[in-house]
Amino acid sequence: SRNNLAGAYRTAGDLERAIPLLERTLADRERMLGTDHPLTKVIRANLSALQ
């Protein structure tokens, strides 16, 4: 999944690739699952940790 790939980029220190993937994933999850869904919140937390 994009979240896993973003995590690999983050671990490698490549935030220029990780952040856009997480932003895209967050937008998709918000659209499909809603803003309060637990899976959406995980992506939001992962993204917040990088910014």
C-alpha atoms as a PDB file:
ATOM      1  CA  SER A   1       0.000   0.000   0.000  1.00  0.00           C
ATOM      2  CA  ARG A   2       1.025   3.629  -0.338  1.00  0.00           C
ATOM      3  CA  ASN A   3       1.182   3.929   3.437  1.00  0.00           C
ATOM      4  CA  ASN A   4       3.754   1.128   3.619  1.00  0.00           C
ATOM      5  CA  LEU A   5       5.771   2.618   0.779  1.00  0.00           C
ATOM      6  CA  ALA A   6       5.699   6.011   2.493  1.00  0.00           C
ATOM      7  CA  GLY A   7       6.944   4.326   5.662  1.00  0.00           C
ATOM      8  CA  ALA A   8       9.840   2.797   3.758  1.00  0.00           C
ATOM      9  CA  TYR A   9      10.715   6.193   2.301  1.00  0.00           C
ATOM     10  CA  ARG A  10      10.501   7.747   5.764  1.00  0.00           C
ATOM     11  CA  THR A  11      12.809   5.091   7.209  1.00  0.00           C
ATOM     12  CA  ALA A  12      15.265   5.765   4.387  1.00  0.00           C
ATOM     13  CA  GLY A  13      15.094   9.489   5.167  1.00  0.00           C
ATOM     14  CA  ASP A  14      13.418  10.341   1.864  1.00  0.00           C
ATOM     15  CA  LEU A  15      10.709  12.708   3.082  1.00  0.00           C
ATOM     16  CA  GLU A  16      10.342  14.271  -0.374  1.00  0.00           C
ATOM     17  CA  ARG A  17       8.744  11.006  -1.492  1.00  0.00           C
ATOM     18  CA  ALA A  18       7.058  10.009   1.768  1.00  0.00           C
ATOM     19  CA  ILE A  19       5.039  13.169   2.390  1.00  0.00           C
ATOM     20  CA  PRO A  20       3.252  13.372  -1.001  1.00  0.00           C
ATOM     21  CA  LEU A  21       2.303   9.694  -0.751  1.00  0.00           C
ATOM     22  CA  LEU A  22       0.818  10.211   2.687  1.00  0.00           C
ATOM     23  CA  GLU A  23      -1.012  13.359   1.564  1.00  0.00           C
ATOM     24  CA  ARG A  24      -2.567  11.466  -1.345  1.00  0.00           C
ATOM     25  CA  THR A  25      -3.455   8.522   0.877  1.00  0.00           C
ATOM     26  CA  LEU A  26      -5.023  10.826   3.470  1.00  0.00           C
ATOM     27  CA  ALA A  27      -7.167  12.539   0.835  1.00  0.00           C
ATOM     28  CA  ASP A  28      -8.343   9.167  -0.492  1.00  0.00           C
ATOM     29  CA  ARG A  29      -9.148   7.801   2.963  1.00  0.00           C
ATOM     30  CA  GLU A  30     -11.024  10.952   3.966  1.00  0.00           C
ATOM     31  CA  ARG A  31     -13.081  10.721   0.794  1.00  0.00           C
ATOM     32  CA  MET A  32     -13.784   6.983   1.098  1.00  0.00           C
ATOM     33  CA  LEU A  33     -13.928   6.415   4.858  1.00  0.00           C
ATOM     34  CA  GLY A  34     -14.537   9.834   6.385  1.00  0.00           C
ATOM     35  CA  THR A  35     -12.384  12.022   8.580  1.00  0.00           C
ATOM     36  CA  ASP A  36     -13.130  10.191  11.845  1.00  0.00           C
ATOM     37  CA  HIS A  37     -12.416   6.651  10.661  1.00  0.00           C
ATOM     38  CA  PRO A  38      -9.556   4.950  12.569  1.00  0.00           C
ATOM     39  CA  LEU A  39      -7.613   4.185   9.374  1.00  0.00           C
ATOM     40  CA  THR A  40      -7.868   7.813   8.305  1.00  0.00           C
ATOM     41  CA  LYS A  41      -6.584   8.900  11.702  1.00  0.00           C
ATOM     42  CA  VAL A  42      -3.537   6.619  11.359  1.00  0.00           C
ATOM     43  CA  ILE A  43      -2.534   8.269   8.088  1.00  0.00           C
ATOM     44  CA  ARG A  44      -3.134  11.741   9.532  1.00  0.00           C
ATOM     45  CA  ALA A  45      -0.901  10.908  12.518  1.00  0.00           C
ATOM     46  CA  ASN A  46       1.819   9.502  10.258  1.00  0.00           C
ATOM     47  CA  LEU A  47       1.748  12.636   8.138  1.00  0.00           C
ATOM     48  CA  SER A  48       1.772  14.933  11.165  1.00  0.00           C
ATOM     49  CA  ALA A  49       4.862  13.184  12.486  1.00  0.00           C
ATOM     50  CA  LEU A  50       6.742  14.123   9.306  1.00  0.00           C
ATOM     51  CA  GLN A  51       5.730  17.766   9.080  1.00  0.00           C
END
